[in-house]
Structure formats: structure tokens, C-alpha cells
């Protein structure tokens, strides 16, 4: 299935959830936020939010600095 992750086209496994994607992409899930098609996905819904063909996903990590 083709989606876009942080602006980059990606092929992911059919049937994946947001949670599957986050676990595959980052080791520190507690420190990221996820938006699917410009809508924030609450952490408690990651495993029940299925990815669909053409989804645009943003995986965001906090950045410190000034």
C-alpha cells in the first residue's frame, strides 16, 4: 500500500495501523505525535486507526532549542 510519510512516498504492509507504522519507524513511541491526513491521531487510537492507500502521515518528534 502506498502512503506518504513526512512528505516521502512509502510502501507499507496492507492492513497496518498507525501503531504498526510508528513501531516500525521509531524506537521511542512515547515521544512522538502522529497526524493522519492533517488530523491528529490520539495515542490511544493508534492501534485501531487503519492506514489507507494514499494517506498522508506526519510523525512528529519534539525539538528543543531556541
PDB file of N, CA and C in Angstrom:
ATOM      1  N   UNK A   1       0.852  -1.162   0.000  1.00  0.00           N
ATOM      2  CA  UNK A   1       0.000   0.000   0.000  1.00  0.00           C
ATOM      3  C   UNK A   1       0.902   1.230   0.000  1.00  0.00           C
ATOM      4  N   UNK A   2       0.565   2.216  -0.792  1.00  0.00           N
ATOM      5  CA  UNK A   2       1.362   3.428  -0.908  1.00  0.00           C
ATOM      6  C   UNK A   2       0.762   4.560  -0.079  1.00  0.00           C
ATOM      7  N   UNK A   3       1.611   5.136   0.778  1.00  0.00           N
ATOM      8  CA  UNK A   3       1.231   6.288   1.585  1.00  0.00           C
ATOM      9  C   UNK A   3       2.386   7.286   1.515  1.00  0.00           C
ATOM     10  N   UNK A   4       2.219   8.428   2.165  1.00  0.00           N
ATOM     11  CA  UNK A   4       3.277   9.431   2.240  1.00  0.00           C
ATOM     12  C   UNK A   4       3.563   9.655   3.717  1.00  0.00           C
ATOM     13  N   UNK A   5       4.837   9.516   4.092  1.00  0.00           N
ATOM     14  CA  UNK A   5       5.254   9.692   5.487  1.00  0.00           C
ATOM     15  C   UNK A   5       6.216  10.865   5.548  1.00  0.00           C
ATOM     16  N   UNK A   6       5.823  11.894   6.269  1.00  0.00           N
ATOM     17  CA  UNK A   6       6.658  13.100   6.399  1.00  0.00           C
ATOM     18  C   UNK A   6       7.118  13.608   5.031  1.00  0.00           C
ATOM     19  N   UNK A   7       6.206  13.582   4.059  1.00  0.00           N
ATOM     20  CA  UNK A   7       6.483  14.115   2.738  1.00  0.00           C
ATOM     21  C   UNK A   7       7.184  13.171   1.783  1.00  0.00           C
ATOM     22  N   UNK A   8       7.496  11.952   2.225  1.00  0.00           N
ATOM     23  CA  UNK A   8       8.213  10.996   1.391  1.00  0.00           C
ATOM     24  C   UNK A   8       7.316   9.799   1.078  1.00  0.00           C
ATOM     25  N   UNK A   9       7.153   9.459  -0.200  1.00  0.00           N
ATOM     26  CA  UNK A   9       6.356   8.280  -0.539  1.00  0.00           C
ATOM     27  C   UNK A   9       6.937   7.031   0.110  1.00  0.00           C
ATOM     28  N   UNK A  10       6.046   6.155   0.573  1.00  0.00           N
ATOM     29  CA  UNK A  10       6.482   4.918   1.225  1.00  0.00           C
ATOM     30  C   UNK A  10       5.488   3.814   0.916  1.00  0.00           C
ATOM     31  N   UNK A  11       6.000   2.602   0.885  1.00  0.00           N
ATOM     32  CA  UNK A  11       5.163   1.420   0.694  1.00  0.00           C
ATOM     33  C   UNK A  11       5.102   0.698   2.032  1.00  0.00           C
ATOM     34  N   UNK A  12       3.891   0.484   2.552  1.00  0.00           N
ATOM     35  CA  UNK A  12       3.730  -0.213   3.828  1.00  0.00           C
ATOM     36  C   UNK A  12       2.817  -1.418   3.635  1.00  0.00           C
ATOM     37  N   UNK A  13       2.835  -2.288   4.594  1.00  0.00           N
ATOM     38  CA  UNK A  13       2.058  -3.515   4.545  1.00  0.00           C
ATOM     39  C   UNK A  13       0.564  -3.228   4.608  1.00  0.00           C
ATOM     40  N   UNK A  14      -0.209  -3.859   3.741  1.00  0.00           N
ATOM     41  CA  UNK A  14      -1.667  -3.737   3.801  1.00  0.00           C
ATOM     42  C   UNK A  14      -2.157  -4.162   5.178  1.00  0.00           C
ATOM     43  N   UNK A  15      -3.137  -3.460   5.696  1.00  0.00           N
ATOM     44  CA  UNK A  15      -3.725  -3.806   6.981  1.00  0.00           C
ATOM     45  C   UNK A  15      -3.023  -3.183   8.175  1.00  0.00           C
ATOM     46  N   UNK A  16      -1.970  -2.414   7.934  1.00  0.00           N
ATOM     47  CA  UNK A  16      -1.269  -1.775   9.037  1.00  0.00           C
ATOM     48  C   UNK A  16      -2.102  -0.682   9.677  1.00  0.00           C
ATOM     49  N   UNK A  17      -1.874  -0.491  10.968  1.00  0.00           N
ATOM     50  CA  UNK A  17      -2.481   0.619  11.702  1.00  0.00           C
ATOM     51  C   UNK A  17      -1.421   1.699  11.896  1.00  0.00           C
ATOM     52  N   UNK A  18      -1.850   2.842  12.400  1.00  0.00           N
ATOM     53  CA  UNK A  18      -0.904   3.900  12.754  1.00  0.00           C
ATOM     54  C   UNK A  18       0.106   3.362  13.758  1.00  0.00           C
ATOM     55  N   UNK A  19      -0.356   2.571  14.718  1.00  0.00           N
ATOM     56  CA  UNK A  19       0.544   1.997  15.718  1.00  0.00           C
ATOM     57  C   UNK A  19       1.606   1.109  15.098  1.00  0.00           C
ATOM     58  N   UNK A  20       1.227   0.289  14.123  1.00  0.00           N
ATOM     59  CA  UNK A  20       2.206  -0.561  13.442  1.00  0.00           C
ATOM     60  C   UNK A  20       3.281   0.292  12.768  1.00  0.00           C
ATOM     61  N   UNK A  21       2.848   1.354  12.119  1.00  0.00           N
ATOM     62  CA  UNK A  21       3.775   2.237  11.429  1.00  0.00           C
ATOM     63  C   UNK A  21       4.740   2.901  12.407  1.00  0.00           C
ATOM     64  N   UNK A  22       4.221   3.426  13.504  1.00  0.00           N
ATOM     65  CA  UNK A  22       5.074   4.104  14.483  1.00  0.00           C
ATOM     66  C   UNK A  22       6.090   3.123  15.068  1.00  0.00           C
ATOM     67  N   UNK A  23       5.654   1.930  15.410  1.00  0.00           N
ATOM     68  CA  UNK A  23       6.578   0.933  15.975  1.00  0.00           C
ATOM     69  C   UNK A  23       7.671   0.553  14.969  1.00  0.00           C
ATOM     70  N   UNK A  24       7.331   0.527  13.687  1.00  0.00           N
ATOM     71  CA  UNK A  24       8.308   0.168  12.661  1.00  0.00           C
ATOM     72  C   UNK A  24       9.293   1.308  12.374  1.00  0.00           C
ATOM     73  N   UNK A  25       8.866   2.540  12.631  1.00  0.00           N
ATOM     74  CA  UNK A  25       9.672   3.703  12.251  1.00  0.00           C
ATOM     75  C   UNK A  25      10.480   4.333  13.372  1.00  0.00           C
ATOM     76  N   UNK A  26      10.099   4.097  14.614  1.00  0.00           N
ATOM     77  CA  UNK A  26      10.802   4.757  15.711  1.00  0.00           C
ATOM     78  C   UNK A  26      10.891   3.853  16.926  1.00  0.00           C
ATOM     79  N   UNK A  27      11.970   3.986  17.652  1.00  0.00           N
ATOM     80  CA  UNK A  27      12.144   3.187  18.865  1.00  0.00           C
ATOM     81  C   UNK A  27      11.473   3.833  20.071  1.00  0.00           C
ATOM     82  N   UNK A  28      11.256   5.129  20.023  1.00  0.00           N
ATOM     83  CA  UNK A  28      10.741   5.868  21.174  1.00  0.00           C
ATOM     84  C   UNK A  28       9.330   6.388  20.878  1.00  0.00           C
ATOM     85  N   UNK A  29       8.333   5.503  20.973  1.00  0.00           N
ATOM     86  CA  UNK A  29       6.966   5.877  20.643  1.00  0.00           C
ATOM     87  C   UNK A  29       6.373   6.910  21.602  1.00  0.00           C
ATOM     88  N   UNK A  30       6.872   6.956  22.833  1.00  0.00           N
ATOM     89  CA  UNK A  30       6.306   7.885  23.819  1.00  0.00           C
ATOM     90  C   UNK A  30       6.587   9.337  23.480  1.00  0.00           C
ATOM     91  N   UNK A  31       7.544   9.588  22.627  1.00  0.00           N
ATOM     92  CA  UNK A  31       7.953  10.964  22.355  1.00  0.00           C
ATOM     93  C   UNK A  31       7.533  11.458  20.978  1.00  0.00           C
ATOM     94  N   UNK A  32       6.553  10.843  20.368  1.00  0.00           N
ATOM     95  CA  UNK A  32       6.113  11.304  19.054  1.00  0.00           C
ATOM     96  C   UNK A  32       4.611  11.564  19.054  1.00  0.00           C
ATOM     97  N   UNK A  33       4.207  12.381  18.098  1.00  0.00           N
ATOM     98  CA  UNK A  33       2.792  12.618  17.817  1.00  0.00           C
ATOM     99  C   UNK A  33       2.581  12.242  16.358  1.00  0.00           C
ATOM    100  N   UNK A  34       1.359  11.847  16.028  1.00  0.00           N
ATOM    101  CA  UNK A  34       1.064  11.412  14.662  1.00  0.00           C
ATOM    102  C   UNK A  34      -0.184  12.125  14.154  1.00  0.00           C
ATOM    103  N   UNK A  35      -0.086  12.584  12.908  1.00  0.00           N
ATOM    104  CA  UNK A  35      -1.248  13.145  12.214  1.00  0.00           C
ATOM    105  C   UNK A  35      -1.485  12.306  10.966  1.00  0.00           C
ATOM    106  N   UNK A  36      -2.737  12.021  10.711  1.00  0.00           N
ATOM    107  CA  UNK A  36      -3.136  11.272   9.511  1.00  0.00           C
ATOM    108  C   UNK A  36      -4.039  12.181   8.708  1.00  0.00           C
ATOM    109  N   UNK A  37      -3.621  12.528   7.512  1.00  0.00           N
ATOM    110  CA  UNK A  37      -4.385  13.426   6.652  1.00  0.00           C
ATOM    111  C   UNK A  37      -4.762  14.711   7.387  1.00  0.00           C
ATOM    112  N   UNK A  38      -3.760  15.288   8.059  1.00  0.00           N
ATOM    113  CA  UNK A  38      -3.859  16.566   8.787  1.00  0.00           C
ATOM    114  C   UNK A  38      -4.699  16.510  10.052  1.00  0.00           C
ATOM    115  N   UNK A  39      -5.070  15.323  10.506  1.00  0.00           N
ATOM    116  CA  UNK A  39      -5.834  15.154  11.748  1.00  0.00           C
ATOM    117  C   UNK A  39      -4.969  14.413  12.758  1.00  0.00           C
ATOM    118  N   UNK A  40      -4.788  14.993  13.937  1.00  0.00           N
ATOM    119  CA  UNK A  40      -4.000  14.327  14.972  1.00  0.00           C
ATOM    120  C   UNK A  40      -4.701  13.037  15.385  1.00  0.00           C
ATOM    121  N   UNK A  41      -3.927  11.972  15.496  1.00  0.00           N
ATOM    122  CA  UNK A  41      -4.457  10.685  15.942  1.00  0.00           C
ATOM    123  C   UNK A  41      -4.049  10.514  17.412  1.00  0.00           C
ATOM    124  N   UNK A  42      -5.017  10.516  18.325  1.00  0.00           N
ATOM    125  CA  UNK A  42      -4.670  10.330  19.740  1.00  0.00           C
ATOM    126  C   UNK A  42      -3.942   8.996  19.949  1.00  0.00           C
ATOM    127  N   UNK A  43      -2.962   9.015  20.818  1.00  0.00           N
ATOM    128  CA  UNK A  43      -2.146   7.822  21.080  1.00  0.00           C
ATOM    129  C   UNK A  43      -3.009   6.591  21.384  1.00  0.00           C
ATOM    130  N   UNK A  44      -4.081   6.754  22.112  1.00  0.00           N
ATOM    131  CA  UNK A  44      -4.954   5.640  22.454  1.00  0.00           C
ATOM    132  C   UNK A  44      -5.693   5.047  21.260  1.00  0.00           C
ATOM    133  N   UNK A  45      -5.641   5.724  20.117  1.00  0.00           N
ATOM    134  CA  UNK A  45      -6.316   5.239  18.909  1.00  0.00           C
ATOM    135  C   UNK A  45      -5.350   4.744  17.834  1.00  0.00           C
ATOM    136  N   UNK A  46      -4.060   4.770  18.123  1.00  0.00           N
ATOM    137  CA  UNK A  46      -3.081   4.356  17.113  1.00  0.00           C
ATOM    138  C   UNK A  46      -3.335   2.945  16.603  1.00  0.00           C
ATOM    139  N   UNK A  47      -3.604   2.003  17.508  1.00  0.00           N
ATOM    140  CA  UNK A  47      -3.759   0.610  17.082  1.00  0.00           C
ATOM    141  C   UNK A  47      -5.086   0.319  16.408  1.00  0.00           C
ATOM    142  N   UNK A  48      -6.045   1.209  16.539  1.00  0.00           N
ATOM    143  CA  UNK A  48      -7.354   0.988  15.905  1.00  0.00           C
ATOM    144  C   UNK A  48      -7.572   1.898  14.698  1.00  0.00           C
ATOM    145  N   UNK A  49      -6.576   2.713  14.366  1.00  0.00           N
ATOM    146  CA  UNK A  49      -6.682   3.601  13.201  1.00  0.00           C
ATOM    147  C   UNK A  49      -5.940   2.961  12.040  1.00  0.00           C
ATOM    148  N   UNK A  50      -6.703   2.405  11.114  1.00  0.00           N
ATOM    149  CA  UNK A  50      -6.118   1.711   9.964  1.00  0.00           C
ATOM    150  C   UNK A  50      -5.583   2.711   8.943  1.00  0.00           C
ATOM    151  N   UNK A  51      -4.462   2.357   8.336  1.00  0.00           N
ATOM    152  CA  UNK A  51      -3.928   3.152   7.241  1.00  0.00           C
ATOM    153  C   UNK A  51      -4.651   2.768   5.958  1.00  0.00           C
ATOM    154  N   UNK A  52      -4.802   3.746   5.070  1.00  0.00           N
ATOM    155  CA  UNK A  52      -5.456   3.533   3.783  1.00  0.00           C
ATOM    156  C   UNK A  52      -4.560   4.034   2.664  1.00  0.00           C
ATOM    157  N   UNK A  53      -4.730   3.469   1.499  1.00  0.00           N
ATOM    158  CA  UNK A  53      -3.990   3.890   0.316  1.00  0.00           C
ATOM    159  C   UNK A  53      -4.059   5.412   0.177  1.00  0.00           C
ATOM    160  N   UNK A  54      -2.892   6.024  -0.025  1.00  0.00           N
ATOM    161  CA  UNK A  54      -2.832   7.460  -0.256  1.00  0.00           C
ATOM    162  C   UNK A  54      -2.815   8.326   0.999  1.00  0.00           C
ATOM    163  N   UNK A  55      -2.893   7.713   2.188  1.00  0.00           N
ATOM    164  CA  UNK A  55      -2.840   8.503   3.418  1.00  0.00           C
ATOM    165  C   UNK A  55      -1.563   9.328   3.460  1.00  0.00           C
ATOM    166  N   UNK A  56      -1.674  10.502   4.083  1.00  0.00           N
ATOM    167  CA  UNK A  56      -0.518  11.371   4.331  1.00  0.00           C
ATOM    168  C   UNK A  56      -0.297  11.385   5.832  1.00  0.00           C
ATOM    169  N   UNK A  57       0.818  10.812   6.249  1.00  0.00           N
ATOM    170  CA  UNK A  57       1.125  10.657   7.674  1.00  0.00           C
ATOM    171  C   UNK A  57       2.277  11.570   8.052  1.00  0.00           C
ATOM    172  N   UNK A  58       2.134  12.247   9.163  1.00  0.00           N
ATOM    173  CA  UNK A  58       3.228  13.031   9.729  1.00  0.00           C
ATOM    174  C   UNK A  58       3.544  12.428  11.090  1.00  0.00           C
ATOM    175  N   UNK A  59       4.787  12.008  11.279  1.00  0.00           N
ATOM    176  CA  UNK A  59       5.264  11.522  12.563  1.00  0.00           C
ATOM    177  C   UNK A  59       6.175  12.615  13.106  1.00  0.00           C
ATOM    178  N   UNK A  60       5.755  13.228  14.198  1.00  0.00           N
ATOM    179  CA  UNK A  60       6.429  14.414  14.708  1.00  0.00           C
ATOM    180  C   UNK A  60       7.074  14.143  16.043  1.00  0.00           C
ATOM    181  N   UNK A  61       8.329  14.555  16.177  1.00  0.00           N
ATOM    182  CA  UNK A  61       9.048  14.437  17.432  1.00  0.00           C
ATOM    183  C   UNK A  61       9.341  15.826  17.961  1.00  0.00           C
ATOM    184  N   UNK A  62       9.315  16.000  19.282  1.00  0.00           N
ATOM    185  CA  UNK A  62       9.622  17.323  19.843  1.00  0.00           C
ATOM    186  C   UNK A  62      11.075  17.707  19.567  1.00  0.00           C
ATOM    187  N   UNK A  63      11.273  19.005  19.401  1.00  0.00           N
ATOM    188  CA  UNK A  63      12.612  19.530  19.147  1.00  0.00           C
ATOM    189  C   UNK A  63      12.892  20.599  20.192  1.00  0.00           C
ATOM    190  N   UNK A  64      14.023  20.497  20.841  1.00  0.00           N
ATOM    191  CA  UNK A  64      14.420  21.501  21.829  1.00  0.00           C
ATOM    192  C   UNK A  64      15.316  22.531  21.183  1.00  0.00           C
ATOM    193  N   UNK A  65      15.313  23.678  21.733  1.00  0.00           N
ATOM    194  CA  UNK A  65      16.198  24.714  21.215  1.00  0.00           C
ATOM    195  C   UNK A  65      15.539  26.077  21.291  1.00  0.00           C
ATOM    196  N   UNK A  66      16.193  27.024  20.725  1.00  0.00           N
ATOM    197  CA  UNK A  66      15.636  28.361  20.841  1.00  0.00           C
ATOM    198  C   UNK A  66      15.882  29.208  19.640  1.00  0.00           C
TER     199      UNK A  66
END
